[in-house]
Amino acid sequence: MNSYLLLCFLDNQEYFTIPRGLYTQLDDQEVPRQYLMAGSVMITVPVLLLFFIFERYLVGGLTAGSVKG
C-alpha cells in the first residue's frame, strides 16, 4: 500500500502509526533534529531485530514454493 495514501486515511491520533506520530511532532513545535533521529532509530531497531530473527522462516517459505527439478 502506498504510504502517502495511508497517511491520508489516518486522521484519528489513536490509530497513527509510529512514523506518523513522529511526524506530528514536527507540527507542534520546533523539535531538535537529534531527537527526531533518536526517535527514528528507536522505530527502526525493533523492526530490524524482528527481521533478523524471522529471516530463516521467510527464506524457507519463499523457497518452499519454488519449482524444483
N, C-alpha and C. Protein backbone atom coordinates (compact mmCIF):
# COMPACT_ATOMS: atom_id res chain seq x y z
N MET A 1 0.85 -1.18 0.00
CA MET A 1 0.00 0.00 0.00
C MET A 1 0.89 1.24 0.00
N ASN A 2 0.44 2.22 -0.68
CA ASN A 2 1.19 3.46 -0.76
C ASN A 2 1.20 4.17 0.59
N SER A 3 2.35 4.58 1.05
CA SER A 3 2.47 5.21 2.36
C SER A 3 1.72 6.54 2.41
N TYR A 4 1.73 7.28 1.34
CA TYR A 4 1.03 8.56 1.32
C TYR A 4 -0.47 8.35 1.49
N LEU A 5 -1.00 7.34 0.82
CA LEU A 5 -2.41 7.04 0.96
C LEU A 5 -2.76 6.66 2.39
N LEU A 6 -1.89 5.90 3.03
CA LEU A 6 -2.11 5.50 4.41
C LEU A 6 -2.11 6.72 5.32
N LEU A 7 -1.24 7.68 5.07
CA LEU A 7 -1.21 8.90 5.87
C LEU A 7 -2.49 9.71 5.68
N CYS A 8 -3.04 9.68 4.50
CA CYS A 8 -4.27 10.44 4.25
C CYS A 8 -5.46 9.86 5.01
N PHE A 9 -5.50 8.54 5.18
CA PHE A 9 -6.64 7.91 5.83
C PHE A 9 -6.54 7.91 7.35
N LEU A 10 -5.36 8.13 7.89
CA LEU A 10 -5.19 8.12 9.34
C LEU A 10 -5.42 9.52 9.90
N ASP A 11 -6.65 9.82 10.23
CA ASP A 11 -6.96 11.13 10.77
C ASP A 11 -7.06 11.13 12.30
N ASN A 12 -7.36 9.99 12.89
CA ASN A 12 -7.52 9.89 14.33
C ASN A 12 -6.17 9.56 14.96
N GLN A 13 -5.76 10.31 15.97
CA GLN A 13 -4.45 10.10 16.58
C GLN A 13 -4.34 8.75 17.28
N GLU A 14 -5.45 8.14 17.64
CA GLU A 14 -5.40 6.82 18.28
C GLU A 14 -4.90 5.75 17.33
N TYR A 15 -5.07 5.95 16.02
CA TYR A 15 -4.71 4.95 15.03
C TYR A 15 -3.44 5.28 14.27
N PHE A 16 -2.71 6.30 14.69
CA PHE A 16 -1.48 6.68 14.00
C PHE A 16 -0.44 5.57 14.09
N THR A 17 0.29 5.39 13.04
CA THR A 17 1.45 4.51 13.09
C THR A 17 2.59 5.28 13.75
N ILE A 18 3.65 4.58 14.12
CA ILE A 18 4.75 5.24 14.82
C ILE A 18 5.41 6.32 13.96
N PRO A 19 5.73 6.07 12.69
CA PRO A 19 6.31 7.16 11.89
C PRO A 19 5.38 8.36 11.74
N ARG A 20 4.08 8.11 11.62
CA ARG A 20 3.12 9.22 11.51
C ARG A 20 3.09 10.01 12.82
N GLY A 21 3.16 9.32 13.96
CA GLY A 21 3.19 10.00 15.24
C GLY A 21 4.45 10.84 15.40
N LEU A 22 5.57 10.32 14.91
CA LEU A 22 6.81 11.08 14.96
C LEU A 22 6.73 12.31 14.06
N TYR A 23 6.06 12.17 12.93
CA TYR A 23 5.90 13.29 12.01
C TYR A 23 5.03 14.39 12.61
N THR A 24 4.04 14.01 13.41
CA THR A 24 3.17 15.02 14.01
C THR A 24 3.91 15.86 15.03
N GLN A 25 5.01 15.37 15.54
CA GLN A 25 5.79 16.15 16.49
C GLN A 25 6.41 17.38 15.82
N LEU A 26 6.56 17.34 14.51
CA LEU A 26 7.11 18.48 13.79
C LEU A 26 6.14 19.65 13.74
N ASP A 27 4.84 19.37 13.79
CA ASP A 27 3.84 20.42 13.67
C ASP A 27 3.68 21.24 14.94
N ASP A 28 3.85 20.62 16.09
CA ASP A 28 3.56 21.29 17.35
C ASP A 28 4.57 22.38 17.68
N GLN A 29 5.82 22.05 17.58
CA GLN A 29 6.88 22.99 17.95
C GLN A 29 8.16 22.60 17.23
N GLU A 30 9.16 23.40 17.39
CA GLU A 30 10.44 23.07 16.77
C GLU A 30 11.13 22.00 17.60
N VAL A 31 11.32 20.84 17.00
CA VAL A 31 11.95 19.71 17.68
C VAL A 31 13.38 19.59 17.17
N PRO A 32 14.35 19.53 18.08
CA PRO A 32 15.74 19.37 17.62
C PRO A 32 15.93 18.10 16.79
N ARG A 33 16.77 18.20 15.80
CA ARG A 33 16.98 17.08 14.88
C ARG A 33 17.49 15.83 15.57
N GLN A 34 18.31 16.00 16.61
CA GLN A 34 18.85 14.81 17.28
C GLN A 34 17.73 14.00 17.94
N TYR A 35 16.67 14.65 18.40
CA TYR A 35 15.54 13.91 18.97
C TYR A 35 14.77 13.16 17.90
N LEU A 36 14.63 13.78 16.73
CA LEU A 36 13.96 13.10 15.63
C LEU A 36 14.77 11.89 15.15
N MET A 37 16.08 12.06 15.09
CA MET A 37 16.93 10.95 14.67
C MET A 37 16.91 9.82 15.71
N ALA A 38 16.90 10.19 16.98
CA ALA A 38 16.82 9.17 18.03
C ALA A 38 15.49 8.43 17.95
N GLY A 39 14.42 9.15 17.67
CA GLY A 39 13.12 8.50 17.50
C GLY A 39 13.10 7.58 16.30
N SER A 40 13.75 7.99 15.23
CA SER A 40 13.82 7.15 14.03
C SER A 40 14.58 5.86 14.31
N VAL A 41 15.66 5.97 15.06
CA VAL A 41 16.43 4.76 15.41
C VAL A 41 15.59 3.85 16.31
N MET A 42 14.87 4.43 17.25
CA MET A 42 14.03 3.62 18.13
C MET A 42 12.91 2.92 17.37
N ILE A 43 12.47 3.50 16.27
CA ILE A 43 11.47 2.86 15.43
C ILE A 43 12.10 1.75 14.60
N THR A 44 13.29 1.98 14.07
CA THR A 44 13.92 1.08 13.12
C THR A 44 14.53 -0.16 13.77
N VAL A 45 15.15 -0.02 14.92
CA VAL A 45 15.88 -1.13 15.54
C VAL A 45 14.98 -2.33 15.85
N PRO A 46 13.80 -2.17 16.46
CA PRO A 46 12.97 -3.36 16.69
C PRO A 46 12.53 -4.06 15.41
N VAL A 47 12.26 -3.28 14.36
CA VAL A 47 11.87 -3.89 13.09
C VAL A 47 13.03 -4.70 12.52
N LEU A 48 14.23 -4.17 12.58
CA LEU A 48 15.39 -4.91 12.10
C LEU A 48 15.63 -6.18 12.92
N LEU A 49 15.49 -6.08 14.23
CA LEU A 49 15.67 -7.26 15.07
C LEU A 49 14.66 -8.34 14.74
N LEU A 50 13.40 -7.97 14.54
CA LEU A 50 12.40 -8.95 14.15
C LEU A 50 12.71 -9.56 12.80
N PHE A 51 13.19 -8.76 11.88
CA PHE A 51 13.54 -9.29 10.56
C PHE A 51 14.65 -10.33 10.67
N PHE A 52 15.70 -10.02 11.43
CA PHE A 52 16.81 -10.97 11.54
C PHE A 52 16.41 -12.23 12.29
N ILE A 53 15.50 -12.11 13.25
CA ILE A 53 15.04 -13.29 13.97
C ILE A 53 14.23 -14.21 13.06
N PHE A 54 13.34 -13.65 12.25
CA PHE A 54 12.45 -14.44 11.41
C PHE A 54 12.92 -14.58 9.97
N GLU A 55 14.15 -14.20 9.68
CA GLU A 55 14.66 -14.25 8.31
C GLU A 55 14.70 -15.67 7.77
N ARG A 56 15.10 -16.62 8.59
CA ARG A 56 15.20 -18.01 8.11
C ARG A 56 13.83 -18.55 7.72
N TYR A 57 12.78 -18.14 8.44
CA TYR A 57 11.44 -18.60 8.08
C TYR A 57 10.96 -17.94 6.80
N LEU A 58 11.34 -16.71 6.60
CA LEU A 58 10.96 -16.01 5.38
C LEU A 58 11.63 -16.67 4.16
N VAL A 59 12.91 -16.92 4.28
CA VAL A 59 13.64 -17.55 3.16
C VAL A 59 13.13 -18.97 2.94
N GLY A 60 12.86 -19.69 4.03
CA GLY A 60 12.33 -21.05 3.91
C GLY A 60 10.98 -21.06 3.23
N GLY A 61 10.13 -20.12 3.55
CA GLY A 61 8.81 -20.04 2.93
C GLY A 61 8.89 -19.65 1.46
N LEU A 62 9.82 -18.78 1.14
CA LEU A 62 9.97 -18.39 -0.27
C LEU A 62 10.50 -19.51 -1.12
N THR A 63 11.43 -20.28 -0.58
CA THR A 63 11.99 -21.37 -1.37
C THR A 63 11.10 -22.60 -1.37
N ALA A 64 10.18 -22.73 -0.41
CA ALA A 64 9.29 -23.89 -0.38
C ALA A 64 8.33 -23.89 -1.57
N GLY A 65 7.99 -22.74 -2.06
CA GLY A 65 7.06 -22.66 -3.17
C GLY A 65 7.71 -22.67 -4.54
N SER A 66 9.01 -22.79 -4.57
CA SER A 66 9.69 -22.75 -5.87
C SER A 66 9.55 -24.07 -6.60
N VAL A 67 9.68 -24.01 -7.91
CA VAL A 67 9.58 -25.19 -8.74
C VAL A 67 10.92 -25.91 -8.73
N LYS A 68 10.88 -27.19 -8.43
CA LYS A 68 12.11 -27.98 -8.37
C LYS A 68 12.13 -28.97 -9.53
N GLY A 69 13.32 -29.10 -10.06
CA GLY A 69 13.60 -30.16 -10.93
C GLY A 69 13.29 -30.21 -12.32
